[in-house]
């Protein structure tokens, strides 16, 4: 069994090494850093032997999408990357969905979730409109919207999961989901809007996100819902 300090130390080492690669080398080297990092965490997840098939599938899909990043400028590879990451996020949602099936919510709470969804969707439309024409190709907007909706769905699942259980398991899932979304937003700003300094927070959030999912996978998840929060 791995030491409790192993994952935090590994995460710190990967954050520092990836930031160094981004600072010193070009985009191809940075993409290699991301691919190797995902591969390391996938290997660690497999070694733990406590993962679910869905979370393992999500990591494999993320690894495949990172592989396609080397041809991201090609429209077919770009499309496949979007589809793989959408599938990965849906797998992460399906990982906790069985524990949310009996979640009760009032009309007011449903309204709040709807408002949050609409606001995030509005922000997504704004971001897509900011994509420079040189990056455009048929169906890119559709892929962006689908990708954004998958992120919003994962966030809603994470918040619902956190509200219902309010423990270490839900904390790591929620924190990891937030980090992955922040990574995607900063990646969008770095790549499409060409503010290259955002590659640093992109990679930091990404590493923290997948590290959090690895930690989340170690919990047995035989927890009980918090009584006063179960109806949220």
Protein backbone atom coordinates (compact mmCIF):
# COMPACT_ATOMS: atom_id res chain seq x y z
CA UNK A 1 0.00 0.00 0.00
CA UNK A 2 1.32 3.45 -0.91
CA UNK A 3 2.25 5.99 1.74
CA UNK A 4 -0.29 8.75 2.43
CA UNK A 5 2.36 11.27 1.41
CA UNK A 6 3.08 9.61 -1.93
CA UNK A 7 0.19 11.15 -3.89
CA UNK A 8 0.68 14.72 -2.58
CA UNK A 9 4.44 14.56 -3.21
CA UNK A 10 3.95 13.07 -6.68
CA UNK A 11 1.37 15.75 -7.49
CA UNK A 12 3.74 18.53 -6.38
CA UNK A 13 6.61 17.07 -8.43
CA UNK A 14 4.40 16.82 -11.52
CA UNK A 15 3.10 20.37 -11.07
CA UNK A 16 6.64 21.79 -10.79
CA UNK A 17 8.04 19.72 -13.66
CA UNK A 18 5.14 20.57 -15.97
CA UNK A 19 5.42 24.29 -15.19
CA UNK A 20 9.15 24.10 -15.93
CA UNK A 21 8.50 22.40 -19.28
CA UNK A 22 5.85 24.98 -20.22
CA UNK A 23 8.21 27.84 -19.29
CA UNK A 24 11.34 26.50 -20.98
CA UNK A 25 10.09 24.58 -24.01
CA UNK A 26 7.50 24.72 -26.77
CA UNK A 27 3.98 23.44 -27.11
CA UNK A 28 4.96 19.94 -28.24
CA UNK A 29 7.06 19.43 -25.10
CA UNK A 30 4.19 20.77 -23.01
CA UNK A 31 1.82 18.26 -24.62
CA UNK A 32 4.28 15.47 -23.88
CA UNK A 33 4.33 16.61 -20.27
CA UNK A 34 0.54 16.44 -20.09
CA UNK A 35 0.40 13.00 -21.72
CA UNK A 36 3.08 11.56 -19.43
CA UNK A 37 1.36 13.06 -16.40
CA UNK A 38 -1.99 11.49 -17.32
CA UNK A 39 -0.23 8.17 -17.96
CA UNK A 40 1.43 8.27 -14.54
CA UNK A 41 -1.87 8.89 -12.75
CA UNK A 42 -3.58 6.17 -14.80
CA UNK A 43 -0.82 3.73 -13.82
CA UNK A 44 -1.21 4.78 -10.17
CA UNK A 45 -4.98 4.30 -10.37
CA UNK A 46 -4.54 0.77 -11.77
CA UNK A 47 -1.97 -0.08 -9.09
CA UNK A 48 -4.46 0.84 -6.35
CA UNK A 49 -6.89 -1.87 -7.56
CA UNK A 50 -9.83 -0.08 -5.94
CA UNK A 51 -11.15 1.85 -8.93
CA UNK A 52 -14.52 1.49 -10.63
CA UNK A 53 -14.72 0.59 -14.31
CA UNK A 54 -16.26 3.97 -15.05
CA UNK A 55 -13.50 6.02 -13.47
CA UNK A 56 -10.91 3.81 -15.17
CA UNK A 57 -12.68 4.42 -18.49
CA UNK A 58 -12.61 8.17 -17.82
CA UNK A 59 -8.84 8.09 -17.30
CA UNK A 60 -8.28 6.02 -20.44
CA UNK A 61 -10.39 8.51 -22.42
CA UNK A 62 -8.38 11.41 -21.00
CA UNK A 63 -5.16 9.65 -21.97
CA UNK A 64 -6.42 9.14 -25.52
CA UNK A 65 -7.50 12.79 -25.77
CA UNK A 66 -4.06 13.90 -24.57
CA UNK A 67 -2.49 11.74 -27.28
CA UNK A 68 -4.58 13.47 -29.93
CA UNK A 69 -3.43 16.88 -28.70
CA UNK A 70 -0.30 16.43 -30.81
CA UNK A 71 -2.55 16.76 -33.88
CA UNK A 72 -5.00 19.21 -32.30
CA UNK A 73 -4.65 21.66 -35.21
CA UNK A 74 -6.12 19.02 -37.53
CA UNK A 75 -9.92 19.28 -37.61
CA UNK A 76 -10.49 15.50 -37.34
CA UNK A 77 -8.14 15.14 -34.37
CA UNK A 78 -9.69 18.24 -32.83
CA UNK A 79 -13.17 16.75 -33.18
CA UNK A 80 -12.06 13.42 -31.70
CA UNK A 81 -10.41 15.23 -28.77
CA UNK A 82 -13.66 17.01 -27.95
CA UNK A 83 -15.65 13.77 -28.15
CA UNK A 84 -13.19 11.88 -25.95
CA UNK A 85 -13.19 14.54 -23.25
CA UNK A 86 -16.99 14.80 -23.34
CA UNK A 87 -17.15 11.01 -22.87
CA UNK A 88 -14.60 11.19 -20.03
CA UNK A 89 -16.65 13.77 -18.15
CA UNK A 90 -19.84 11.77 -18.63
CA UNK A 91 -18.04 8.70 -17.24
CA UNK A 92 -17.12 10.74 -14.16
CA UNK A 93 -20.77 11.76 -13.80
CA UNK A 94 -21.93 8.15 -14.16
CA UNK A 95 -19.42 7.17 -11.45
CA UNK A 96 -21.47 8.96 -8.78
CA UNK A 97 -24.89 8.87 -10.45
CA UNK A 98 -26.04 5.68 -8.63
CA UNK A 99 -25.47 7.49 -5.31
CA UNK A 100 -27.64 10.41 -6.43
CA UNK A 101 -30.64 8.45 -7.72
CA UNK A 102 -32.71 8.93 -4.57
CA UNK A 103 -31.73 12.56 -4.09
CA UNK A 104 -34.78 14.67 -3.34
CA UNK A 105 -35.01 18.34 -4.22
CA UNK A 106 -37.64 21.02 -3.78
CA UNK A 107 -39.06 23.13 -6.57
CA UNK A 108 -36.92 26.06 -5.36
CA UNK A 109 -33.74 23.97 -5.47
CA UNK A 110 -34.59 22.75 -8.96
CA UNK A 111 -35.08 26.37 -9.98
CA UNK A 112 -31.66 27.28 -8.57
CA UNK A 113 -30.00 24.48 -10.54
CA UNK A 114 -31.84 25.61 -13.68
CA UNK A 115 -30.67 29.21 -13.19
CA UNK A 116 -27.07 28.04 -12.64
CA UNK A 117 -27.30 25.92 -15.79
CA UNK A 118 -28.67 28.82 -17.87
CA UNK A 119 -26.02 31.25 -16.57
CA UNK A 120 -23.21 28.83 -17.34
CA UNK A 121 -24.71 28.15 -20.75
CA UNK A 122 -24.81 31.88 -21.40
CA UNK A 123 -21.14 32.18 -20.47
CA UNK A 124 -20.42 29.27 -22.80
CA UNK A 125 -22.10 31.09 -25.71
CA UNK A 126 -19.98 34.16 -24.96
CA UNK A 127 -16.76 32.12 -24.95
CA UNK A 128 -17.60 30.39 -28.22
CA UNK A 129 -18.27 33.76 -29.85
CA UNK A 130 -14.75 34.83 -28.83
CA UNK A 131 -13.05 32.03 -30.82
CA UNK A 132 -11.02 33.67 -33.63
CA UNK A 133 -12.13 32.70 -37.18
CA UNK A 134 -8.76 31.08 -37.94
CA UNK A 135 -9.63 28.23 -35.55
CA UNK A 136 -13.04 27.60 -37.05
CA UNK A 137 -14.21 24.52 -38.92
CA UNK A 138 -17.67 22.96 -39.48
CA UNK A 139 -19.42 21.83 -36.28
CA UNK A 140 -16.79 23.38 -33.96
CA UNK A 141 -19.47 25.44 -32.22
CA UNK A 142 -21.65 22.36 -31.72
CA UNK A 143 -18.71 20.52 -30.15
CA UNK A 144 -17.97 23.47 -27.87
CA UNK A 145 -21.57 23.57 -26.68
CA UNK A 146 -21.66 19.80 -26.08
CA UNK A 147 -18.35 20.00 -24.25
CA UNK A 148 -19.56 22.89 -22.12
CA UNK A 149 -22.80 21.12 -21.25
CA UNK A 150 -20.84 18.02 -20.18
CA UNK A 151 -18.74 20.23 -17.87
CA UNK A 152 -21.83 21.90 -16.41
CA UNK A 153 -23.43 18.47 -15.89
CA UNK A 154 -20.33 17.27 -14.04
CA UNK A 155 -20.38 20.37 -11.84
CA UNK A 156 -24.05 19.94 -10.97
CA UNK A 157 -23.43 16.27 -10.14
CA UNK A 158 -20.43 17.24 -8.00
CA UNK A 159 -22.35 19.91 -6.07
CA UNK A 160 -25.30 17.54 -5.54
CA UNK A 161 -22.91 14.79 -4.40
CA UNK A 162 -21.19 17.16 -1.98
CA UNK A 163 -24.48 18.41 -0.57
CA UNK A 164 -25.78 14.91 0.02
CA UNK A 165 -22.76 13.29 1.68
CA UNK A 166 -20.56 16.15 2.92
CA UNK A 167 -17.51 13.97 3.66
CA UNK A 168 -13.97 13.39 2.38
CA UNK A 169 -15.20 11.31 -0.54
CA UNK A 170 -17.55 14.00 -1.84
CA UNK A 171 -14.96 16.70 -1.12
CA UNK A 172 -12.34 15.09 -3.37
CA UNK A 173 -14.84 14.45 -6.15
CA UNK A 174 -16.16 18.01 -6.03
CA UNK A 175 -12.71 19.60 -5.77
CA UNK A 176 -11.40 17.42 -8.63
CA UNK A 177 -14.38 18.28 -10.84
CA UNK A 178 -13.94 22.00 -10.20
CA UNK A 179 -10.22 21.78 -10.99
CA UNK A 180 -10.91 20.00 -14.28
CA UNK A 181 -13.42 22.67 -15.29
CA UNK A 182 -11.04 25.50 -14.32
CA UNK A 183 -8.35 23.73 -16.34
CA UNK A 184 -10.57 23.70 -19.42
CA UNK A 185 -11.50 27.37 -19.04
CA UNK A 186 -7.88 28.49 -18.66
CA UNK A 187 -6.85 26.18 -21.51
CA UNK A 188 -9.46 27.85 -23.74
CA UNK A 189 -8.09 31.28 -22.83
CA UNK A 190 -4.50 30.14 -23.45
CA UNK A 191 -5.05 28.38 -26.77
CA UNK A 192 -7.94 30.14 -28.50
CA UNK A 193 -7.49 33.65 -27.09
CA UNK A 194 -3.69 33.29 -27.15
CA UNK A 195 -2.98 34.44 -23.60
CA UNK A 196 -0.19 31.93 -23.22
CA UNK A 197 0.47 32.58 -19.52
CA UNK A 198 -2.81 30.77 -18.83
CA UNK A 199 -1.13 27.48 -19.76
CA UNK A 200 0.33 27.48 -16.24
CA UNK A 201 -2.98 27.51 -14.32
CA UNK A 202 -4.40 25.16 -16.97
CA UNK A 203 -1.79 22.52 -16.19
CA UNK A 204 -1.87 23.09 -12.43
CA UNK A 205 -5.65 22.71 -12.28
CA UNK A 206 -5.52 19.66 -14.56
CA UNK A 207 -2.96 17.86 -12.39
CA UNK A 208 -4.84 18.70 -9.20
CA UNK A 209 -8.06 17.50 -10.84
CA UNK A 210 -6.86 14.08 -11.91
CA UNK A 211 -4.89 13.66 -8.67
CA UNK A 212 -8.13 14.38 -6.79
CA UNK A 213 -9.96 11.77 -8.85
CA UNK A 214 -7.26 9.21 -8.04
CA UNK A 215 -7.71 10.01 -4.34
CA UNK A 216 -11.49 9.84 -4.70
CA UNK A 217 -11.16 6.36 -6.22
CA UNK A 218 -9.46 5.08 -3.04
CA UNK A 219 -12.59 5.56 -0.92
CA UNK A 220 -14.97 2.62 -0.54
CA UNK A 221 -18.02 4.92 -0.86
CA UNK A 222 -20.17 2.90 1.53
CA UNK A 223 -21.14 6.20 3.13
CA UNK A 224 -24.55 7.28 4.30
CA UNK A 225 -26.22 10.50 3.26
CA UNK A 226 -26.20 13.29 5.81
CA UNK A 227 -29.79 13.30 7.09
CA UNK A 228 -30.26 17.06 7.15
CA UNK A 229 -28.71 17.41 3.70
CA UNK A 230 -30.30 14.44 1.98
CA UNK A 231 -33.14 16.49 0.57
CA UNK A 232 -30.87 19.11 -1.00
